[in-house]
Amino acid sequence: MSRKKKFPWSLLVGAVISLALIGLLVFYPKDQRPKIAFHQDLIEGSYPEIGEVEINLNNIDEVFQFVFSSLRDQIKVYPSENYYYFVLKHKKIYKYSQVELNKKRWNLIAI
């Protein structure tokens, strides 16, 4: 009497799990954390953990464009300060700076 071979279910399950893990590693989106945090986030109690930013800090226009495009639609600037503070992480170093809000001009204070 011949025995019928059983289908190797454990091998199939192992292969499916392996493919799923490889897919997660390959197709998992890059760092989804915000790339910048503002003092308004800290005051409102929602200060995020920030990810690495890849910009040229020596190019003031590129930095200003990054900071300005990261602002919310509405921000709160306290009249006693006229500065809007922010922090970003570049090459594992936290860079703290601020934007000066002046009626005559907008300045990005040196990082």
C-alpha atoms as a PDB file:
ATOM      1  CA  MET A   1       0.000   0.000   0.000  1.00  0.00           C
ATOM      2  CA  SER A   2       1.515   3.331  -1.071  1.00  0.00           C
ATOM      3  CA  ARG A   3       1.297   6.404   1.091  1.00  0.00           C
ATOM      4  CA  LYS A   4       0.099   9.601  -0.441  1.00  0.00           C
ATOM      5  CA  LYS A   5       2.571  12.472   0.009  1.00  0.00           C
ATOM      6  CA  LYS A   6       1.253  15.400   2.026  1.00  0.00           C
ATOM      7  CA  PHE A   7       1.505  18.912   0.670  1.00  0.00           C
ATOM      8  CA  PRO A   8       4.290  20.822   2.499  1.00  0.00           C
ATOM      9  CA  TRP A   9       2.098  23.564   3.994  1.00  0.00           C
ATOM     10  CA  SER A  10       4.778  24.705   6.401  1.00  0.00           C
ATOM     11  CA  LEU A  11       7.130  25.336   3.474  1.00  0.00           C
ATOM     12  CA  LEU A  12       4.455  27.371   1.663  1.00  0.00           C
ATOM     13  CA  VAL A  13       3.656  29.432   4.780  1.00  0.00           C
ATOM     14  CA  GLY A  14       7.360  30.084   5.359  1.00  0.00           C
ATOM     15  CA  ALA A  15       7.804  31.242   1.757  1.00  0.00           C
ATOM     16  CA  VAL A  16       4.804  33.600   1.982  1.00  0.00           C
ATOM     17  CA  ILE A  17       6.036  35.119   5.248  1.00  0.00           C
ATOM     18  CA  SER A  18       9.538  35.561   3.805  1.00  0.00           C
ATOM     19  CA  LEU A  19       8.182  37.293   0.701  1.00  0.00           C
ATOM     20  CA  ALA A  20       6.021  39.572   2.851  1.00  0.00           C
ATOM     21  CA  LEU A  21       9.004  40.596   5.004  1.00  0.00           C
ATOM     22  CA  ILE A  22      11.176  41.239   1.954  1.00  0.00           C
ATOM     23  CA  GLY A  23       8.365  43.328   0.458  1.00  0.00           C
ATOM     24  CA  LEU A  24       8.153  45.405   3.629  1.00  0.00           C
ATOM     25  CA  LEU A  25      11.879  46.055   3.586  1.00  0.00           C
ATOM     26  CA  VAL A  26      11.943  46.998  -0.087  1.00  0.00           C
ATOM     27  CA  PHE A  27       8.713  48.951  -0.413  1.00  0.00           C
ATOM     28  CA  TYR A  28       8.389  50.454   3.074  1.00  0.00           C
ATOM     29  CA  PRO A  29       8.300  54.227   2.714  1.00  0.00           C
ATOM     30  CA  LYS A  30      11.298  56.187   3.884  1.00  0.00           C
ATOM     31  CA  ASP A  31      11.250  58.115   7.112  1.00  0.00           C
ATOM     32  CA  GLN A  32       7.718  59.526   7.446  1.00  0.00           C
ATOM     33  CA  ARG A  33       8.463  61.732  10.448  1.00  0.00           C
ATOM     34  CA  PRO A  34       8.153  65.485  10.004  1.00  0.00           C
ATOM     35  CA  LYS A  35      11.426  67.073   8.933  1.00  0.00           C
ATOM     36  CA  ILE A  36      10.991  70.219  11.001  1.00  0.00           C
ATOM     37  CA  ALA A  37       9.372  71.235  14.278  1.00  0.00           C
ATOM     38  CA  PHE A  38       8.231  74.674  15.346  1.00  0.00           C
ATOM     39  CA  HIS A  39       7.996  76.219  18.813  1.00  0.00           C
ATOM     40  CA  GLN A  40       4.247  76.485  18.302  1.00  0.00           C
ATOM     41  CA  ASP A  41       4.148  72.670  18.330  1.00  0.00           C
ATOM     42  CA  LEU A  42       5.932  72.647  21.690  1.00  0.00           C
ATOM     43  CA  ILE A  43       3.589  75.250  23.173  1.00  0.00           C
ATOM     44  CA  GLU A  44       0.528  73.349  21.934  1.00  0.00           C
ATOM     45  CA  GLY A  45       1.881  70.065  23.293  1.00  0.00           C
ATOM     46  CA  SER A  46       2.317  68.298  19.960  1.00  0.00           C
ATOM     47  CA  TYR A  47       6.088  68.510  19.525  1.00  0.00           C
ATOM     48  CA  PRO A  48       6.978  65.757  17.031  1.00  0.00           C
ATOM     49  CA  GLU A  49      10.045  63.569  16.823  1.00  0.00           C
ATOM     50  CA  ILE A  50      11.737  64.850  13.691  1.00  0.00           C
ATOM     51  CA  GLY A  51      13.566  62.980  10.959  1.00  0.00           C
ATOM     52  CA  GLU A  52      16.688  63.833   9.002  1.00  0.00           C
ATOM     53  CA  VAL A  53      16.499  66.611   6.446  1.00  0.00           C
ATOM     54  CA  GLU A  54      18.656  66.586   3.342  1.00  0.00           C
ATOM     55  CA  ILE A  55      19.199  70.191   2.348  1.00  0.00           C
ATOM     56  CA  ASN A  56      22.266  72.326   1.797  1.00  0.00           C
ATOM     57  CA  LEU A  57      22.473  74.529   4.886  1.00  0.00           C
ATOM     58  CA  ASN A  58      24.918  76.831   3.096  1.00  0.00           C
ATOM     59  CA  ASN A  59      22.231  77.733   0.538  1.00  0.00           C
ATOM     60  CA  ILE A  60      20.037  80.266   2.342  1.00  0.00           C
ATOM     61  CA  ASP A  61      17.383  80.234  -0.400  1.00  0.00           C
ATOM     62  CA  GLU A  62      17.015  76.452  -0.185  1.00  0.00           C
ATOM     63  CA  VAL A  63      16.737  76.567   3.611  1.00  0.00           C
ATOM     64  CA  PHE A  64      14.216  79.410   3.540  1.00  0.00           C
ATOM     65  CA  GLN A  65      12.124  77.611   0.904  1.00  0.00           C
ATOM     66  CA  PHE A  66      12.152  74.439   3.020  1.00  0.00           C
ATOM     67  CA  VAL A  67      11.173  76.261   6.224  1.00  0.00           C
ATOM     68  CA  PHE A  68       8.539  78.432   4.545  1.00  0.00           C
ATOM     69  CA  SER A  69       6.939  75.501   2.703  1.00  0.00           C
ATOM     70  CA  SER A  70       6.792  73.541   5.980  1.00  0.00           C
ATOM     71  CA  LEU A  71       4.721  76.187   7.770  1.00  0.00           C
ATOM     72  CA  ARG A  72       1.060  75.539   8.527  1.00  0.00           C
ATOM     73  CA  ASP A  73      -1.644  77.520   6.790  1.00  0.00           C
ATOM     74  CA  GLN A  74      -2.010  79.613   9.933  1.00  0.00           C
ATOM     75  CA  ILE A  75       0.718  80.198  12.499  1.00  0.00           C
ATOM     76  CA  LYS A  76       0.721  82.036  15.807  1.00  0.00           C
ATOM     77  CA  VAL A  77       3.464  84.607  16.265  1.00  0.00           C
ATOM     78  CA  TYR A  78       3.557  86.251  19.651  1.00  0.00           C
ATOM     79  CA  PRO A  79       3.727  90.041  19.285  1.00  0.00           C
ATOM     80  CA  SER A  80       6.331  90.417  21.991  1.00  0.00           C
ATOM     81  CA  GLU A  81       8.809  88.346  19.987  1.00  0.00           C
ATOM     82  CA  ASN A  82       8.272  88.705  16.215  1.00  0.00           C
ATOM     83  CA  TYR A  83      10.275  85.506  15.772  1.00  0.00           C
ATOM     84  CA  TYR A  84       9.069  82.071  14.756  1.00  0.00           C
ATOM     85  CA  TYR A  85      11.430  79.437  16.120  1.00  0.00           C
ATOM     86  CA  PHE A  86      12.117  76.052  14.545  1.00  0.00           C
ATOM     87  CA  VAL A  87      14.414  73.053  14.795  1.00  0.00           C
ATOM     88  CA  LEU A  88      15.539  70.606  12.143  1.00  0.00           C
ATOM     89  CA  LYS A  89      17.960  67.687  12.167  1.00  0.00           C
ATOM     90  CA  HIS A  90      20.804  67.658   9.657  1.00  0.00           C
ATOM     91  CA  LYS A  91      23.418  64.883   9.700  1.00  0.00           C
ATOM     92  CA  LYS A  92      22.271  63.776  13.181  1.00  0.00           C
ATOM     93  CA  ILE A  93      22.761  67.280  14.608  1.00  0.00           C
ATOM     94  CA  TYR A  94      19.831  69.413  15.725  1.00  0.00           C
ATOM     95  CA  LYS A  95      19.913  72.910  14.237  1.00  0.00           C
ATOM     96  CA  TYR A  96      17.908  75.568  16.069  1.00  0.00           C
ATOM     97  CA  SER A  97      17.010  78.837  14.382  1.00  0.00           C
ATOM     98  CA  GLN A  98      14.213  81.319  13.832  1.00  0.00           C
ATOM     99  CA  VAL A  99      12.536  83.392  11.197  1.00  0.00           C
ATOM    100  CA  GLU A 100      12.360  87.082  11.999  1.00  0.00           C
ATOM    101  CA  LEU A 101       8.967  88.490  11.126  1.00  0.00           C
ATOM    102  CA  ASN A 102       9.390  92.139  10.340  1.00  0.00           C
ATOM    103  CA  LYS A 103       6.926  94.402   8.542  1.00  0.00           C
ATOM    104  CA  LYS A 104       9.672  95.503   6.160  1.00  0.00           C
ATOM    105  CA  ARG A 105      11.401  92.190   5.489  1.00  0.00           C
ATOM    106  CA  TRP A 106      11.529  88.472   6.284  1.00  0.00           C
ATOM    107  CA  ASN A 107      14.869  87.217   7.581  1.00  0.00           C
ATOM    108  CA  LEU A 108      16.097  83.735   8.211  1.00  0.00           C
ATOM    109  CA  ILE A 109      18.497  84.037  11.116  1.00  0.00           C
ATOM    110  CA  ALA A 110      21.737  82.089  10.572  1.00  0.00           C
ATOM    111  CA  ILE A 111      21.570  78.394  11.363  1.00  0.00           C
END
